[in-house]
Amino acid sequence: MEQRVMTRYNLQVPAHVETIHNDESIQSYEWKTRDISSSGAFILTEGKLLENGTNIKVNLRLNTFAGSGSWVVMNGRIVRTESDGIGVCFDSQYQFVSNGPNIEM
């Protein structure tokens, strides 16, 4: 049985995800979270699966109700894959920024 240390909240927010590959190339995706906690999130990937262990940068858009908002930016690692998305564990570093990626969701 799985035991979570952090409370997970059912929260869908826009997620701009970047994967950084060994050759230093960057791939970007525009997805949404299914749920989130202070230590990680499950991101719905619209059928696109990424490999466990992949390091990623995640930009989550907050306060999207009025069409503007803030972003929280963090690095993480994919720790679980399912048919509808990926489980991501965040590192302990994060940053709030007022300007994030220009995405339409």
C-alpha atoms as a PDB file:
ATOM      1  CA  MET A   1       0.000   0.000   0.000  1.00  0.00           C
ATOM      2  CA  GLU A   2       1.288   3.444  -0.968  1.00  0.00           C
ATOM      3  CA  GLN A   3       1.829   5.953   1.846  1.00  0.00           C
ATOM      4  CA  ARG A   4       2.248   9.617   0.993  1.00  0.00           C
ATOM      5  CA  VAL A   5       4.113  11.942   3.314  1.00  0.00           C
ATOM      6  CA  MET A   6       2.710  15.138   1.770  1.00  0.00           C
ATOM      7  CA  THR A   7      -0.959  15.916   1.204  1.00  0.00           C
ATOM      8  CA  ARG A   8      -1.902  15.736  -2.471  1.00  0.00           C
ATOM      9  CA  TYR A   9      -4.555  18.111  -3.812  1.00  0.00           C
ATOM     10  CA  ASN A  10      -6.753  17.550  -6.861  1.00  0.00           C
ATOM     11  CA  LEU A  11      -5.713  20.641  -8.764  1.00  0.00           C
ATOM     12  CA  GLN A  12      -5.540  21.153 -12.512  1.00  0.00           C
ATOM     13  CA  VAL A  13      -3.258  23.994 -13.550  1.00  0.00           C
ATOM     14  CA  PRO A  14      -1.384  24.597 -16.806  1.00  0.00           C
ATOM     15  CA  ALA A  15       2.063  22.994 -16.811  1.00  0.00           C
ATOM     16  CA  HIS A  16       4.850  23.925 -19.210  1.00  0.00           C
ATOM     17  CA  VAL A  17       7.289  20.994 -19.076  1.00  0.00           C
ATOM     18  CA  GLU A  18      10.788  20.894 -20.544  1.00  0.00           C
ATOM     19  CA  THR A  19      12.938  17.784 -20.834  1.00  0.00           C
ATOM     20  CA  ILE A  20      16.685  18.216 -21.025  1.00  0.00           C
ATOM     21  CA  HIS A  21      18.487  15.437 -22.860  1.00  0.00           C
ATOM     22  CA  ASN A  22      22.097  14.219 -22.673  1.00  0.00           C
ATOM     23  CA  ASP A  23      22.930  16.089 -25.887  1.00  0.00           C
ATOM     24  CA  GLU A  24      21.594  19.273 -24.161  1.00  0.00           C
ATOM     25  CA  SER A  25      18.598  19.484 -26.497  1.00  0.00           C
ATOM     26  CA  ILE A  26      15.360  20.669 -24.931  1.00  0.00           C
ATOM     27  CA  GLN A  27      11.858  19.390 -25.721  1.00  0.00           C
ATOM     28  CA  SER A  28       8.846  21.445 -24.536  1.00  0.00           C
ATOM     29  CA  TYR A  29       5.300  20.290 -23.765  1.00  0.00           C
ATOM     30  CA  GLU A  30       2.097  22.075 -22.716  1.00  0.00           C
ATOM     31  CA  TRP A  31       0.078  19.901 -20.350  1.00  0.00           C
ATOM     32  CA  LYS A  32      -1.977  20.133 -17.130  1.00  0.00           C
ATOM     33  CA  THR A  33      -1.603  18.709 -13.673  1.00  0.00           C
ATOM     34  CA  ARG A  34      -4.068  16.166 -12.310  1.00  0.00           C
ATOM     35  CA  ASP A  35      -2.957  16.637  -8.732  1.00  0.00           C
ATOM     36  CA  ILE A  36      -0.144  18.330  -6.853  1.00  0.00           C
ATOM     37  CA  SER A  37       1.638  18.398  -3.507  1.00  0.00           C
ATOM     38  CA  SER A  38       4.627  20.296  -2.183  1.00  0.00           C
ATOM     39  CA  SER A  39       6.907  17.407  -3.177  1.00  0.00           C
ATOM     40  CA  GLY A  40       5.509  16.438  -6.578  1.00  0.00           C
ATOM     41  CA  ALA A  41       2.691  16.303  -9.082  1.00  0.00           C
ATOM     42  CA  PHE A  42       0.954  14.028 -11.525  1.00  0.00           C
ATOM     43  CA  ILE A  43       0.947  15.607 -14.985  1.00  0.00           C
ATOM     44  CA  LEU A  44      -1.537  14.524 -17.663  1.00  0.00           C
ATOM     45  CA  THR A  45       0.502  13.974 -20.817  1.00  0.00           C
ATOM     46  CA  GLU A  46      -2.162  13.390 -23.476  1.00  0.00           C
ATOM     47  CA  GLY A  47      -0.744   9.970 -24.359  1.00  0.00           C
ATOM     48  CA  LYS A  48       2.897  11.098 -24.630  1.00  0.00           C
ATOM     49  CA  LEU A  49       4.989   9.012 -22.249  1.00  0.00           C
ATOM     50  CA  LEU A  50       8.390  10.014 -20.989  1.00  0.00           C
ATOM     51  CA  GLU A  51      10.880   7.684 -19.341  1.00  0.00           C
ATOM     52  CA  ASN A  52      11.288   7.215 -15.601  1.00  0.00           C
ATOM     53  CA  GLY A  53      14.377   9.020 -14.353  1.00  0.00           C
ATOM     54  CA  THR A  54      14.124  11.827 -16.920  1.00  0.00           C
ATOM     55  CA  ASN A  55      15.051  15.202 -15.448  1.00  0.00           C
ATOM     56  CA  ILE A  56      12.530  17.921 -16.238  1.00  0.00           C
ATOM     57  CA  LYS A  57      11.826  21.581 -15.592  1.00  0.00           C
ATOM     58  CA  VAL A  58       8.218  22.335 -14.669  1.00  0.00           C
ATOM     59  CA  ASN A  59       6.508  25.737 -14.880  1.00  0.00           C
ATOM     60  CA  LEU A  60       3.100  25.736 -13.155  1.00  0.00           C
ATOM     61  CA  ARG A  61       0.742  28.631 -13.772  1.00  0.00           C
ATOM     62  CA  LEU A  62      -1.101  29.908 -10.714  1.00  0.00           C
ATOM     63  CA  ASN A  63      -4.005  32.373 -10.467  1.00  0.00           C
ATOM     64  CA  THR A  64      -5.259  31.740 -13.982  1.00  0.00           C
ATOM     65  CA  PHE A  65      -8.793  32.899 -13.229  1.00  0.00           C
ATOM     66  CA  ALA A  66      -8.375  36.452 -14.501  1.00  0.00           C
ATOM     67  CA  GLY A  67      -6.215  35.598 -17.497  1.00  0.00           C
ATOM     68  CA  SER A  68      -2.962  36.581 -15.805  1.00  0.00           C
ATOM     69  CA  GLY A  69      -1.037  35.089 -12.998  1.00  0.00           C
ATOM     70  CA  SER A  70       2.179  33.976 -11.456  1.00  0.00           C
ATOM     71  CA  TRP A  71       4.318  30.977 -12.181  1.00  0.00           C
ATOM     72  CA  VAL A  72       6.207  28.632  -9.923  1.00  0.00           C
ATOM     73  CA  VAL A  73       9.252  27.084 -11.562  1.00  0.00           C
ATOM     74  CA  MET A  74      10.963  23.951 -10.283  1.00  0.00           C
ATOM     75  CA  ASN A  75      13.121  21.071 -11.382  1.00  0.00           C
ATOM     76  CA  GLY A  76      12.087  17.491 -10.927  1.00  0.00           C
ATOM     77  CA  ARG A  77      12.478  13.913 -12.013  1.00  0.00           C
ATOM     78  CA  ILE A  78       9.936  11.497 -13.459  1.00  0.00           C
ATOM     79  CA  VAL A  79       9.402   8.721 -10.927  1.00  0.00           C
ATOM     80  CA  ARG A  80       6.287   7.016 -12.348  1.00  0.00           C
ATOM     81  CA  THR A  81       4.598   6.601 -15.715  1.00  0.00           C
ATOM     82  CA  GLU A  82       0.988   5.613 -16.317  1.00  0.00           C
ATOM     83  CA  SER A  83      -1.103   5.454 -19.491  1.00  0.00           C
ATOM     84  CA  ASP A  84      -2.454   8.982 -18.924  1.00  0.00           C
ATOM     85  CA  GLY A  85       0.574  10.761 -17.493  1.00  0.00           C
ATOM     86  CA  ILE A  86       3.697  10.984 -15.359  1.00  0.00           C
ATOM     87  CA  GLY A  87       4.426  11.247 -11.661  1.00  0.00           C
ATOM     88  CA  VAL A  88       7.065  13.876 -10.916  1.00  0.00           C
ATOM     89  CA  CYS A  89       9.115  14.335  -7.763  1.00  0.00           C
ATOM     90  CA  PHE A  90      10.260  17.950  -7.309  1.00  0.00           C
ATOM     91  CA  ASP A  91      13.598  18.931  -5.857  1.00  0.00           C
ATOM     92  CA  SER A  92      13.498  21.287  -2.889  1.00  0.00           C
ATOM     93  CA  GLN A  93      14.329  24.388  -4.948  1.00  0.00           C
ATOM     94  CA  TYR A  94      11.576  26.481  -6.521  1.00  0.00           C
ATOM     95  CA  GLN A  95      11.079  30.045  -7.672  1.00  0.00           C
ATOM     96  CA  PHE A  96       8.014  32.240  -8.145  1.00  0.00           C
ATOM     97  CA  VAL A  97       8.127  34.396 -11.282  1.00  0.00           C
ATOM     98  CA  SER A  98       5.661  36.856 -12.760  1.00  0.00           C
ATOM     99  CA  ASN A  99       6.462  36.046 -16.397  1.00  0.00           C
ATOM    100  CA  GLY A 100       6.377  32.483 -17.567  1.00  0.00           C
ATOM    101  CA  PRO A 101       6.084  30.669 -20.865  1.00  0.00           C
ATOM    102  CA  ASN A 102       3.498  31.977 -23.304  1.00  0.00           C
ATOM    103  CA  ILE A 103       1.036  29.104 -23.478  1.00  0.00           C
ATOM    104  CA  GLU A 104      -2.591  28.844 -24.499  1.00  0.00           C
ATOM    105  CA  MET A 105      -4.658  26.322 -22.560  1.00  0.00           C
END
